[in-house]
Amino acid sequence: MRVLMIYCLCLLFVSCKTTTDYYGVSTFSKNNKVNAVVEIPAGTNKKFEYNNKTKTFNIDKKNGKDRVINFLPYLGNYGFIPSTFSDPKEGGDGDALDILVLAEYLETGTVIESTPIAMLKLIDDGEIDYKIIAIPSDKEHQIINCKSYVEFNRDYPEIKSIIEIWFLNYNKDDETQIEGWATEKEAIAEINKNLK
């Protein structure tokens, strides 16, 4: 009995150590929705990032200290679209495409099917750093009722303004500017353009 218990504990320990290659997850789900990997849950001010080498989520460090946003916490669940790459040769930042999923708190490491409704065209320190704005595809997790940029712009202009203000002010060390907004169709085209 004791050997069986130790064996079960070993299995549990090994399974906890198992890691997922989140960068390798498919960009699109079997339902043809965009997969989003959550790094930073809504309402969080610690800047978590996925480390593709160790396959773990860690708090980003700056000058040896945890990077904490000295502003309002993240407005939605922030992360990346797997199997995408913003090529520096094309002016990108060398990372997967960023996505902000407007929903209640989702755990770090959650992969959620999402529906793009807009794209914020952001330039960060001279690099293209576009943000795909999305809602969960599952109605149960939706906090706003819209399916397109037209509806988002018409029904939630205040949310658009808040998103702009937040991205322009959350990091005082970067020089950030907004080029404008784009539709959900342009957001999908940007995703397809940056597929790995």
N, C-alpha and C. Protein backbone atom coordinates (compact mmCIF):
# COMPACT_ATOMS: atom_id res chain seq x y z
N MET A 1 0.83 -1.20 0.00
CA MET A 1 0.00 0.00 0.00
C MET A 1 0.87 1.26 0.00
N ARG A 2 1.93 1.22 0.82
CA ARG A 2 2.81 2.38 0.90
C ARG A 2 3.51 2.65 -0.44
N VAL A 3 3.94 1.58 -1.13
CA VAL A 3 4.59 1.71 -2.42
C VAL A 3 3.62 2.33 -3.43
N LEU A 4 2.37 1.89 -3.40
CA LEU A 4 1.35 2.42 -4.30
C LEU A 4 1.14 3.92 -4.04
N MET A 5 1.13 4.31 -2.77
CA MET A 5 0.95 5.72 -2.41
C MET A 5 2.12 6.57 -2.93
N ILE A 6 3.34 6.06 -2.75
CA ILE A 6 4.52 6.78 -3.23
C ILE A 6 4.48 6.89 -4.75
N TYR A 7 4.09 5.78 -5.43
CA TYR A 7 3.98 5.80 -6.89
C TYR A 7 2.97 6.86 -7.34
N CYS A 8 1.82 6.93 -6.67
CA CYS A 8 0.78 7.92 -7.02
C CYS A 8 1.29 9.35 -6.80
N LEU A 9 2.02 9.55 -5.70
CA LEU A 9 2.59 10.88 -5.43
C LEU A 9 3.61 11.26 -6.49
N CYS A 10 4.41 10.27 -6.92
CA CYS A 10 5.40 10.54 -7.98
C CYS A 10 4.70 10.91 -9.28
N LEU A 11 3.64 10.19 -9.61
CA LEU A 11 2.88 10.50 -10.83
C LEU A 11 2.30 11.91 -10.75
N LEU A 12 1.76 12.26 -9.59
CA LEU A 12 1.19 13.59 -9.39
C LEU A 12 2.27 14.65 -9.56
N PHE A 13 3.45 14.41 -8.97
CA PHE A 13 4.54 15.37 -9.07
C PHE A 13 4.97 15.55 -10.52
N VAL A 14 5.13 14.43 -11.24
CA VAL A 14 5.55 14.48 -12.64
C VAL A 14 4.51 15.22 -13.47
N SER A 15 3.21 14.95 -13.22
CA SER A 15 2.17 15.60 -14.02
C SER A 15 2.12 17.10 -13.76
N CYS A 16 2.47 17.52 -12.55
CA CYS A 16 2.50 18.95 -12.24
C CYS A 16 3.66 19.63 -12.97
N LYS A 17 4.72 18.84 -13.24
CA LYS A 17 5.88 19.40 -13.92
C LYS A 17 5.69 19.47 -15.44
N THR A 18 4.68 18.76 -15.95
CA THR A 18 4.44 18.75 -17.39
C THR A 18 4.10 20.16 -17.85
N THR A 19 4.71 20.56 -18.97
CA THR A 19 4.48 21.90 -19.48
C THR A 19 3.87 21.84 -20.87
N THR A 20 3.21 22.90 -21.23
CA THR A 20 2.56 23.00 -22.53
C THR A 20 3.29 24.02 -23.38
N ASP A 21 3.44 23.72 -24.65
CA ASP A 21 4.01 24.68 -25.59
C ASP A 21 2.88 25.57 -26.09
N TYR A 22 2.63 26.66 -25.37
CA TYR A 22 1.53 27.55 -25.72
C TYR A 22 1.76 28.26 -27.04
N TYR A 23 3.02 28.50 -27.41
CA TYR A 23 3.29 29.13 -28.70
C TYR A 23 2.89 28.20 -29.84
N GLY A 24 2.94 26.89 -29.58
CA GLY A 24 2.63 25.91 -30.62
C GLY A 24 1.16 25.57 -30.75
N VAL A 25 0.31 26.11 -29.88
CA VAL A 25 -1.13 25.87 -29.99
C VAL A 25 -1.60 26.45 -31.32
N SER A 26 -2.61 25.85 -31.90
CA SER A 26 -3.13 26.32 -33.18
C SER A 26 -3.71 27.73 -33.05
N THR A 27 -3.51 28.55 -34.08
CA THR A 27 -4.05 29.91 -34.09
C THR A 27 -5.57 29.89 -34.05
N PHE A 28 -6.14 28.97 -34.82
CA PHE A 28 -7.60 28.88 -34.91
C PHE A 28 -8.08 27.58 -34.28
N SER A 29 -9.22 27.66 -33.62
CA SER A 29 -9.82 26.48 -33.00
C SER A 29 -10.51 25.64 -34.07
N LYS A 30 -10.98 24.48 -33.67
CA LYS A 30 -11.71 23.62 -34.62
C LYS A 30 -13.01 24.29 -35.07
N ASN A 31 -13.48 25.28 -34.29
CA ASN A 31 -14.69 26.04 -34.66
C ASN A 31 -14.35 27.27 -35.49
N ASN A 32 -13.08 27.35 -35.92
CA ASN A 32 -12.57 28.48 -36.72
C ASN A 32 -12.64 29.81 -35.96
N LYS A 33 -12.50 29.75 -34.65
CA LYS A 33 -12.39 30.94 -33.81
C LYS A 33 -10.91 31.16 -33.48
N VAL A 34 -10.57 32.36 -33.07
CA VAL A 34 -9.18 32.68 -32.74
C VAL A 34 -8.87 32.23 -31.32
N ASN A 35 -7.83 31.43 -31.17
CA ASN A 35 -7.39 31.03 -29.83
C ASN A 35 -6.58 32.17 -29.21
N ALA A 36 -6.86 32.47 -27.96
CA ALA A 36 -6.10 33.46 -27.21
C ALA A 36 -5.52 32.78 -25.98
N VAL A 37 -4.22 32.99 -25.74
CA VAL A 37 -3.56 32.47 -24.54
C VAL A 37 -3.45 33.63 -23.56
N VAL A 38 -4.05 33.47 -22.38
CA VAL A 38 -4.04 34.53 -21.37
C VAL A 38 -2.73 34.48 -20.58
N GLU A 39 -2.01 35.60 -20.63
CA GLU A 39 -0.82 35.76 -19.78
C GLU A 39 -1.21 36.54 -18.52
N ILE A 40 -1.92 37.65 -18.72
CA ILE A 40 -2.26 38.55 -17.62
C ILE A 40 -3.78 38.63 -17.48
N PRO A 41 -4.33 38.12 -16.38
CA PRO A 41 -5.77 38.18 -16.19
C PRO A 41 -6.29 39.60 -16.02
N ALA A 42 -7.53 39.81 -16.39
CA ALA A 42 -8.19 41.11 -16.18
C ALA A 42 -8.11 41.48 -14.70
N GLY A 43 -7.85 42.76 -14.43
CA GLY A 43 -7.79 43.23 -13.05
C GLY A 43 -6.46 43.00 -12.37
N THR A 44 -5.44 42.57 -13.13
CA THR A 44 -4.11 42.27 -12.58
C THR A 44 -3.15 43.39 -12.94
N ASN A 45 -2.24 43.72 -12.03
CA ASN A 45 -1.24 44.73 -12.37
C ASN A 45 0.18 44.17 -12.46
N LYS A 46 0.34 42.85 -12.25
CA LYS A 46 1.64 42.22 -12.43
C LYS A 46 1.75 41.79 -13.89
N LYS A 47 2.93 42.06 -14.48
CA LYS A 47 3.11 41.77 -15.91
C LYS A 47 3.69 40.37 -16.10
N PHE A 48 2.81 39.39 -16.25
CA PHE A 48 3.22 38.02 -16.53
C PHE A 48 3.53 37.87 -18.01
N GLU A 49 4.55 37.06 -18.32
CA GLU A 49 4.88 36.77 -19.71
C GLU A 49 5.18 35.28 -19.83
N TYR A 50 4.84 34.74 -20.98
CA TYR A 50 5.13 33.34 -21.26
C TYR A 50 6.56 33.20 -21.75
N ASN A 51 7.31 32.29 -21.15
CA ASN A 51 8.68 32.01 -21.56
C ASN A 51 8.66 30.74 -22.40
N ASN A 52 8.91 30.88 -23.69
CA ASN A 52 8.81 29.75 -24.60
C ASN A 52 9.91 28.71 -24.38
N LYS A 53 11.05 29.12 -23.80
CA LYS A 53 12.13 28.17 -23.55
C LYS A 53 11.80 27.25 -22.38
N THR A 54 11.29 27.83 -21.29
CA THR A 54 10.98 27.03 -20.10
C THR A 54 9.53 26.54 -20.10
N LYS A 55 8.72 27.06 -21.03
CA LYS A 55 7.29 26.72 -21.12
C LYS A 55 6.55 27.07 -19.83
N THR A 56 6.92 28.21 -19.25
CA THR A 56 6.29 28.66 -18.01
C THR A 56 5.88 30.12 -18.13
N PHE A 57 4.94 30.52 -17.28
CA PHE A 57 4.54 31.92 -17.17
C PHE A 57 5.25 32.51 -15.96
N ASN A 58 5.94 33.63 -16.17
CA ASN A 58 6.70 34.26 -15.10
C ASN A 58 6.40 35.75 -15.07
N ILE A 59 6.60 36.35 -13.90
CA ILE A 59 6.47 37.81 -13.82
C ILE A 59 7.70 38.41 -14.49
N ASP A 60 7.45 39.31 -15.43
CA ASP A 60 8.53 39.99 -16.14
C ASP A 60 9.37 40.77 -15.14
N LYS A 61 10.66 40.83 -15.40
CA LYS A 61 11.58 41.56 -14.51
C LYS A 61 12.12 42.79 -15.21
N LYS A 62 12.32 43.84 -14.45
CA LYS A 62 12.97 45.04 -14.96
C LYS A 62 13.93 45.51 -13.89
N ASN A 63 15.20 45.62 -14.24
CA ASN A 63 16.25 45.97 -13.28
C ASN A 63 16.24 45.04 -12.06
N GLY A 64 15.98 43.75 -12.31
CA GLY A 64 15.99 42.75 -11.25
C GLY A 64 14.76 42.72 -10.37
N LYS A 65 13.77 43.56 -10.65
CA LYS A 65 12.55 43.61 -9.83
C LYS A 65 11.35 43.18 -10.65
N ASP A 66 10.35 42.62 -9.94
CA ASP A 66 9.10 42.26 -10.62
C ASP A 66 8.52 43.49 -11.29
N ARG A 67 8.08 43.30 -12.53
CA ARG A 67 7.48 44.42 -13.26
C ARG A 67 6.00 44.51 -12.89
N VAL A 68 5.67 45.60 -12.22
CA VAL A 68 4.29 45.84 -11.78
C VAL A 68 3.81 47.12 -12.46
N ILE A 69 2.63 47.06 -13.03
CA ILE A 69 2.07 48.22 -13.72
C ILE A 69 1.67 49.26 -12.68
N ASN A 70 2.27 50.44 -12.78
CA ASN A 70 1.99 51.53 -11.85
C ASN A 70 0.90 52.42 -12.44
N PHE A 71 -0.23 51.81 -12.68
CA PHE A 71 -1.38 52.47 -13.30
C PHE A 71 -2.59 51.60 -12.98
N LEU A 72 -3.69 51.83 -13.63
CA LEU A 72 -4.83 50.94 -13.44
C LEU A 72 -4.47 49.54 -13.92
N PRO A 73 -5.05 48.49 -13.31
CA PRO A 73 -4.73 47.14 -13.76
C PRO A 73 -5.25 46.89 -15.18
N TYR A 74 -4.86 45.76 -15.74
CA TYR A 74 -5.28 45.41 -17.10
C TYR A 74 -6.80 45.39 -17.22
N LEU A 75 -7.29 45.98 -18.31
CA LEU A 75 -8.73 46.17 -18.53
C LEU A 75 -9.44 44.90 -18.97
N GLY A 76 -8.68 43.99 -19.49
CA GLY A 76 -9.22 42.71 -19.96
C GLY A 76 -8.14 41.67 -19.79
N ASN A 77 -8.36 40.50 -20.33
CA ASN A 77 -7.40 39.42 -20.24
C ASN A 77 -6.41 39.57 -21.40
N TYR A 78 -5.16 39.81 -21.04
CA TYR A 78 -4.14 40.17 -22.03
C TYR A 78 -3.23 38.98 -22.29
N GLY A 79 -2.93 38.76 -23.54
CA GLY A 79 -2.04 37.67 -23.87
C GLY A 79 -1.66 37.70 -25.33
N PHE A 80 -1.56 36.51 -25.91
CA PHE A 80 -1.09 36.43 -27.29
C PHE A 80 -1.89 35.41 -28.09
N ILE A 81 -1.78 35.55 -29.41
CA ILE A 81 -2.41 34.61 -30.33
C ILE A 81 -1.33 33.60 -30.73
N PRO A 82 -1.51 32.33 -30.37
CA PRO A 82 -0.46 31.34 -30.63
C PRO A 82 -0.22 31.12 -32.12
N SER A 83 0.98 30.64 -32.40
CA SER A 83 1.41 30.34 -33.78
C SER A 83 1.35 31.56 -34.70
N THR A 84 1.60 32.75 -34.10
CA THR A 84 1.76 33.97 -34.89
C THR A 84 3.12 34.59 -34.54
N PHE A 85 3.60 35.47 -35.41
CA PHE A 85 4.90 36.10 -35.20
C PHE A 85 4.91 37.45 -35.88
N SER A 86 5.15 38.50 -35.09
CA SER A 86 5.24 39.87 -35.62
C SER A 86 6.69 40.12 -36.01
N ASP A 87 6.96 39.93 -37.30
CA ASP A 87 8.33 39.92 -37.82
C ASP A 87 9.01 41.28 -37.73
N PRO A 88 10.17 41.36 -37.04
CA PRO A 88 10.92 42.63 -36.97
C PRO A 88 11.33 43.17 -38.35
N LYS A 89 11.52 42.26 -39.31
CA LYS A 89 11.87 42.71 -40.67
C LYS A 89 10.73 43.51 -41.31
N GLU A 90 9.52 43.30 -40.78
CA GLU A 90 8.33 44.02 -41.29
C GLU A 90 7.93 45.15 -40.34
N GLY A 91 8.80 45.44 -39.37
CA GLY A 91 8.51 46.51 -38.41
C GLY A 91 7.87 46.02 -37.12
N GLY A 92 7.70 44.68 -36.98
CA GLY A 92 7.09 44.11 -35.78
C GLY A 92 8.03 44.04 -34.60
N ASP A 93 7.50 43.56 -33.48
CA ASP A 93 8.30 43.53 -32.25
C ASP A 93 8.95 42.18 -31.97
N GLY A 94 8.78 41.21 -32.86
CA GLY A 94 9.42 39.91 -32.68
C GLY A 94 8.68 38.96 -31.76
N ASP A 95 7.47 39.31 -31.37
CA ASP A 95 6.65 38.46 -30.49
C ASP A 95 5.43 37.96 -31.24
N ALA A 96 4.69 37.09 -30.58
CA ALA A 96 3.38 36.69 -31.11
C ALA A 96 2.46 37.92 -31.04
N LEU A 97 1.40 37.92 -31.86
CA LEU A 97 0.45 39.04 -31.84
C LEU A 97 -0.24 39.14 -30.49
N ASP A 98 -0.41 40.37 -30.02
CA ASP A 98 -1.07 40.62 -28.73
C ASP A 98 -2.59 40.61 -28.90
N ILE A 99 -3.27 40.16 -27.86
CA ILE A 99 -4.73 40.16 -27.87
C ILE A 99 -5.24 40.57 -26.49
N LEU A 100 -6.29 41.36 -26.48
CA LEU A 100 -6.98 41.76 -25.25
C LEU A 100 -8.39 41.22 -25.34
N VAL A 101 -8.71 40.24 -24.49
CA VAL A 101 -10.04 39.63 -24.48
C VAL A 101 -10.86 40.30 -23.40
N LEU A 102 -11.92 41.01 -23.84
CA LEU A 102 -12.79 41.73 -22.90
C LEU A 102 -13.73 40.73 -22.24
N ALA A 103 -13.39 40.37 -21.02
CA ALA A 103 -14.15 39.37 -20.26
C ALA A 103 -13.74 39.49 -18.80
N GLU A 104 -14.49 38.80 -17.93
CA GLU A 104 -14.09 38.74 -16.53
C GLU A 104 -12.78 37.97 -16.42
N TYR A 105 -12.19 38.01 -15.23
CA TYR A 105 -10.91 37.38 -14.92
C TYR A 105 -10.82 35.95 -15.45
N LEU A 106 -9.75 35.69 -16.22
CA LEU A 106 -9.43 34.34 -16.69
C LEU A 106 -8.02 34.02 -16.20
N GLU A 107 -7.82 32.81 -15.71
CA GLU A 107 -6.53 32.41 -15.15
C GLU A 107 -5.40 32.49 -16.19
N THR A 108 -4.21 32.82 -15.73
CA THR A 108 -3.01 32.74 -16.57
C THR A 108 -2.91 31.32 -17.11
N GLY A 109 -2.65 31.21 -18.42
CA GLY A 109 -2.54 29.89 -19.05
C GLY A 109 -3.83 29.42 -19.68
N THR A 110 -4.92 30.16 -19.49
CA THR A 110 -6.19 29.81 -20.13
C THR A 110 -6.06 30.01 -21.63
N VAL A 111 -6.54 29.04 -22.40
CA VAL A 111 -6.66 29.19 -23.85
C VAL A 111 -8.16 29.32 -24.12
N ILE A 112 -8.56 30.46 -24.66
CA ILE A 112 -9.98 30.72 -24.86
C ILE A 112 -10.27 31.04 -26.32
N GLU A 113 -11.35 30.44 -26.83
CA GLU A 113 -11.80 30.79 -28.18
C GLU A 113 -12.34 32.21 -28.14
N SER A 114 -11.89 33.04 -29.07
CA SER A 114 -12.30 34.43 -29.05
C SER A 114 -12.70 34.91 -30.44
N THR A 115 -13.47 36.00 -30.44
CA THR A 115 -13.94 36.60 -31.68
C THR A 115 -13.40 38.03 -31.75
N PRO A 116 -12.48 38.32 -32.67
CA PRO A 116 -11.98 39.69 -32.81
C PRO A 116 -13.12 40.64 -33.20
N ILE A 117 -13.14 41.82 -32.55
CA ILE A 117 -14.13 42.85 -32.90
C ILE A 117 -13.46 44.14 -33.36
N ALA A 118 -12.13 44.23 -33.16
CA ALA A 118 -11.43 45.46 -33.55
C ALA A 118 -9.93 45.23 -33.43
N MET A 119 -9.18 46.22 -33.88
CA MET A 119 -7.72 46.19 -33.70
C MET A 119 -7.26 47.62 -33.42
N LEU A 120 -6.53 47.79 -32.32
CA LEU A 120 -5.92 49.07 -31.98
C LEU A 120 -4.54 49.09 -32.63
N LYS A 121 -4.32 50.06 -33.51
CA LYS A 121 -3.04 50.14 -34.23
C LYS A 121 -2.10 51.01 -33.42
N LEU A 122 -1.23 50.34 -32.68
CA LEU A 122 -0.33 50.98 -31.74
C LEU A 122 1.10 50.91 -32.26
N ILE A 123 1.86 51.98 -32.07
CA ILE A 123 3.28 51.99 -32.35
C ILE A 123 3.98 52.20 -31.02
N ASP A 124 4.86 51.26 -30.66
CA ASP A 124 5.53 51.28 -29.36
C ASP A 124 7.03 51.37 -29.59
N ASP A 125 7.61 52.51 -29.21
CA ASP A 125 9.05 52.74 -29.44
C ASP A 125 9.45 52.45 -30.89
N GLY A 126 8.62 52.89 -31.82
CA GLY A 126 8.90 52.76 -33.24
C GLY A 126 8.56 51.41 -33.85
N GLU A 127 8.10 50.45 -33.03
CA GLU A 127 7.75 49.12 -33.54
C GLU A 127 6.23 48.97 -33.64
N ILE A 128 5.79 48.24 -34.66
CA ILE A 128 4.36 47.92 -34.78
C ILE A 128 3.99 47.01 -33.62
N ASP A 129 2.99 47.39 -32.86
CA ASP A 129 2.56 46.62 -31.70
C ASP A 129 1.03 46.62 -31.64
N TYR A 130 0.43 46.15 -32.75
CA TYR A 130 -1.03 46.15 -32.85
C TYR A 130 -1.65 45.25 -31.78
N LYS A 131 -2.81 45.67 -31.28
CA LYS A 131 -3.53 44.92 -30.26
C LYS A 131 -4.86 44.46 -30.84
N ILE A 132 -5.04 43.15 -30.92
CA ILE A 132 -6.33 42.61 -31.35
C ILE A 132 -7.27 42.71 -30.15
N ILE A 133 -8.43 43.31 -30.35
CA ILE A 133 -9.44 43.43 -29.29
C ILE A 133 -10.51 42.40 -29.60
N ALA A 134 -10.82 41.57 -28.61
CA ALA A 134 -11.73 40.45 -28.85
C ALA A 134 -12.68 40.25 -27.69
N ILE A 135 -13.71 39.46 -27.96
CA ILE A 135 -14.63 39.01 -26.91
C ILE A 135 -14.60 37.48 -26.91
N PRO A 136 -14.95 36.83 -25.80
CA PRO A 136 -15.03 35.37 -25.83
C PRO A 136 -16.09 34.93 -26.84
N SER A 137 -15.83 33.86 -27.54
CA SER A 137 -16.81 33.35 -28.50
C SER A 137 -18.02 32.75 -27.78
N ASP A 138 -17.79 32.19 -26.62
CA ASP A 138 -18.86 31.61 -25.81
C ASP A 138 -19.67 32.73 -25.15
N LYS A 139 -20.96 32.80 -25.47
CA LYS A 139 -21.83 33.89 -24.95
C LYS A 139 -21.84 33.94 -23.43
N GLU A 140 -21.65 32.77 -22.80
CA GLU A 140 -21.66 32.71 -21.34
C GLU A 140 -20.58 33.59 -20.72
N HIS A 141 -19.47 33.79 -21.43
CA HIS A 141 -18.34 34.56 -20.91
C HIS A 141 -18.30 36.00 -21.40
N GLN A 142 -19.26 36.38 -22.24
CA GLN A 142 -19.26 37.73 -22.80
C GLN A 142 -19.78 38.75 -21.79
N ILE A 143 -19.11 39.91 -21.74
CA ILE A 143 -19.56 40.99 -20.85
C ILE A 143 -20.09 42.18 -21.64
N ILE A 144 -19.82 42.20 -22.95
CA ILE A 144 -20.42 43.22 -23.82
C ILE A 144 -21.08 42.50 -24.99
N ASN A 145 -22.07 43.15 -25.57
CA ASN A 145 -22.86 42.53 -26.62
C ASN A 145 -22.55 43.18 -27.96
N CYS A 146 -21.55 42.67 -28.65
CA CYS A 146 -21.26 43.15 -30.00
C CYS A 146 -20.47 42.10 -30.75
N LYS A 147 -20.58 42.13 -32.07
CA LYS A 147 -19.91 41.13 -32.90
C LYS A 147 -19.00 41.76 -33.94
N SER A 148 -19.01 43.09 -34.03
CA SER A 148 -18.24 43.74 -35.09
C SER A 148 -17.70 45.09 -34.60
N TYR A 149 -16.78 45.63 -35.40
CA TYR A 149 -16.24 46.95 -35.06
C TYR A 149 -17.33 48.02 -35.13
N VAL A 150 -18.23 47.91 -36.10
CA VAL A 150 -19.32 48.89 -36.22
C VAL A 150 -20.13 48.94 -34.93
N GLU A 151 -20.50 47.77 -34.40
CA GLU A 151 -21.27 47.70 -33.16
C GLU A 151 -20.44 48.19 -31.98
N PHE A 152 -19.17 47.80 -31.93
CA PHE A 152 -18.28 48.23 -30.85
C PHE A 152 -18.15 49.75 -30.83
N ASN A 153 -17.91 50.32 -31.98
CA ASN A 153 -17.74 51.76 -32.12
C ASN A 153 -19.04 52.51 -31.78
N ARG A 154 -20.15 51.96 -32.21
CA ARG A 154 -21.45 52.60 -31.99
C ARG A 154 -21.93 52.47 -30.54
N ASP A 155 -21.81 51.27 -29.98
CA ASP A 155 -22.43 50.99 -28.68
C ASP A 155 -21.48 51.17 -27.49
N TYR A 156 -20.16 51.13 -27.74
CA TYR A 156 -19.21 51.19 -26.63
C TYR A 156 -18.06 52.17 -26.91
N PRO A 157 -18.35 53.39 -27.34
CA PRO A 157 -17.25 54.34 -27.61
C PRO A 157 -16.42 54.64 -26.36
N GLU A 158 -17.07 54.56 -25.20
CA GLU A 158 -16.36 54.84 -23.94
C GLU A 158 -15.29 53.77 -23.68
N ILE A 159 -15.61 52.51 -24.01
CA ILE A 159 -14.62 51.44 -23.82
C ILE A 159 -13.43 51.67 -24.75
N LYS A 160 -13.71 52.06 -25.98
CA LYS A 160 -12.62 52.38 -26.92
C LYS A 160 -11.73 53.46 -26.34
N SER A 161 -12.33 54.52 -25.80
CA SER A 161 -11.55 55.63 -25.21
C SER A 161 -10.71 55.15 -24.03
N ILE A 162 -11.31 54.32 -23.18
CA ILE A 162 -10.59 53.80 -22.01
C ILE A 162 -9.40 52.95 -22.46
N ILE A 163 -9.59 52.11 -23.48
CA ILE A 163 -8.50 51.27 -23.99
C ILE A 163 -7.36 52.15 -24.52
N GLU A 164 -7.72 53.18 -25.27
CA GLU A 164 -6.70 54.11 -25.80
C GLU A 164 -5.91 54.76 -24.66
N ILE A 165 -6.64 55.31 -23.70
CA ILE A 165 -6.00 56.00 -22.57
C ILE A 165 -5.08 55.04 -21.82
N TRP A 166 -5.56 53.82 -21.61
CA TRP A 166 -4.78 52.85 -20.85
C TRP A 166 -3.48 52.52 -21.57
N PHE A 167 -3.55 52.18 -22.86
CA PHE A 167 -2.33 51.79 -23.58
C PHE A 167 -1.36 52.96 -23.76
N LEU A 168 -1.86 54.16 -23.78
CA LEU A 168 -0.98 55.33 -23.91
C LEU A 168 -0.29 55.68 -22.59
N ASN A 169 -0.81 55.20 -21.46
CA ASN A 169 -0.32 55.65 -20.16
C ASN A 169 0.20 54.59 -19.20
N TYR A 170 -0.01 53.30 -19.50
CA TYR A 170 0.35 52.28 -18.51
C TYR A 170 1.86 52.11 -18.36
N ASN A 171 2.62 52.45 -19.39
CA ASN A 171 4.07 52.29 -19.33
C ASN A 171 4.74 53.61 -19.70
N LYS A 172 5.17 54.33 -18.70
CA LYS A 172 5.76 55.66 -18.91
C LYS A 172 7.15 55.59 -19.56
N ASP A 173 7.77 54.40 -19.58
CA ASP A 173 9.11 54.27 -20.15
C ASP A 173 9.11 54.18 -21.68
N ASP A 174 7.97 53.82 -22.25
CA ASP A 174 7.89 53.66 -23.71
C ASP A 174 7.23 54.86 -24.35
N GLU A 175 7.66 55.15 -25.57
CA GLU A 175 7.01 56.20 -26.35
C GLU A 175 5.97 55.52 -27.23
N THR A 176 4.71 55.75 -26.91
CA THR A 176 3.62 55.05 -27.57
C THR A 176 2.72 56.03 -28.31
N GLN A 177 2.31 55.63 -29.50
CA GLN A 177 1.34 56.45 -30.22
C GLN A 177 0.32 55.55 -30.91
N ILE A 178 -0.86 56.11 -31.10
CA ILE A 178 -1.94 55.36 -31.74
C ILE A 178 -2.10 55.84 -33.17
N GLU A 179 -2.05 54.88 -34.09
CA GLU A 179 -2.27 55.18 -35.52
C GLU A 179 -3.76 55.22 -35.84
N GLY A 180 -4.55 54.52 -35.04
CA GLY A 180 -5.99 54.48 -35.28
C GLY A 180 -6.56 53.11 -34.94
N TRP A 181 -7.78 52.89 -35.38
CA TRP A 181 -8.49 51.64 -35.13
C TRP A 181 -8.76 50.94 -36.46
N ALA A 182 -8.96 49.64 -36.40
CA ALA A 182 -9.28 48.86 -37.58
C ALA A 182 -10.43 47.92 -37.26
N THR A 183 -11.08 47.44 -38.30
CA THR A 183 -12.25 46.57 -38.14
C THR A 183 -11.84 45.15 -37.79
N GLU A 184 -12.85 44.34 -37.48
CA GLU A 184 -12.60 42.93 -37.20
C GLU A 184 -12.03 42.21 -38.43
N LYS A 185 -12.43 42.64 -39.62
CA LYS A 185 -11.90 42.01 -40.85
C LYS A 185 -10.41 42.32 -40.99
N GLU A 186 -10.02 43.54 -40.70
CA GLU A 186 -8.60 43.90 -40.74
C GLU A 186 -7.82 43.17 -39.65
N ALA A 187 -8.46 42.96 -38.50
CA ALA A 187 -7.81 42.21 -37.41
C ALA A 187 -7.53 40.78 -37.85
N ILE A 188 -8.51 40.14 -38.48
CA ILE A 188 -8.32 38.77 -38.97
C ILE A 188 -7.24 38.74 -40.05
N ALA A 189 -7.24 39.75 -40.94
CA ALA A 189 -6.22 39.81 -41.99
C ALA A 189 -4.83 39.95 -41.37
N GLU A 190 -4.71 40.74 -40.28
CA GLU A 190 -3.43 40.90 -39.59
C GLU A 190 -2.98 39.58 -38.97
N ILE A 191 -3.92 38.84 -38.41
CA ILE A 191 -3.59 37.53 -37.83
C ILE A 191 -3.09 36.60 -38.93
N ASN A 192 -3.82 36.53 -40.04
CA ASN A 192 -3.43 35.63 -41.15
C ASN A 192 -2.07 36.04 -41.74
N LYS A 193 -1.81 37.34 -41.78
CA LYS A 193 -0.53 37.84 -42.32
C LYS A 193 0.65 37.42 -41.44
N ASN A 194 0.39 37.24 -40.15
CA ASN A 194 1.46 36.94 -39.19
C ASN A 194 1.49 35.49 -38.72
N LEU A 195 0.84 34.60 -39.46
CA LEU A 195 0.88 33.18 -39.11
C LEU A 195 2.30 32.64 -39.28
N LYS A 196 2.74 31.79 -38.34
CA LYS A 196 4.09 31.19 -38.44
C LYS A 196 4.05 30.00 -39.39
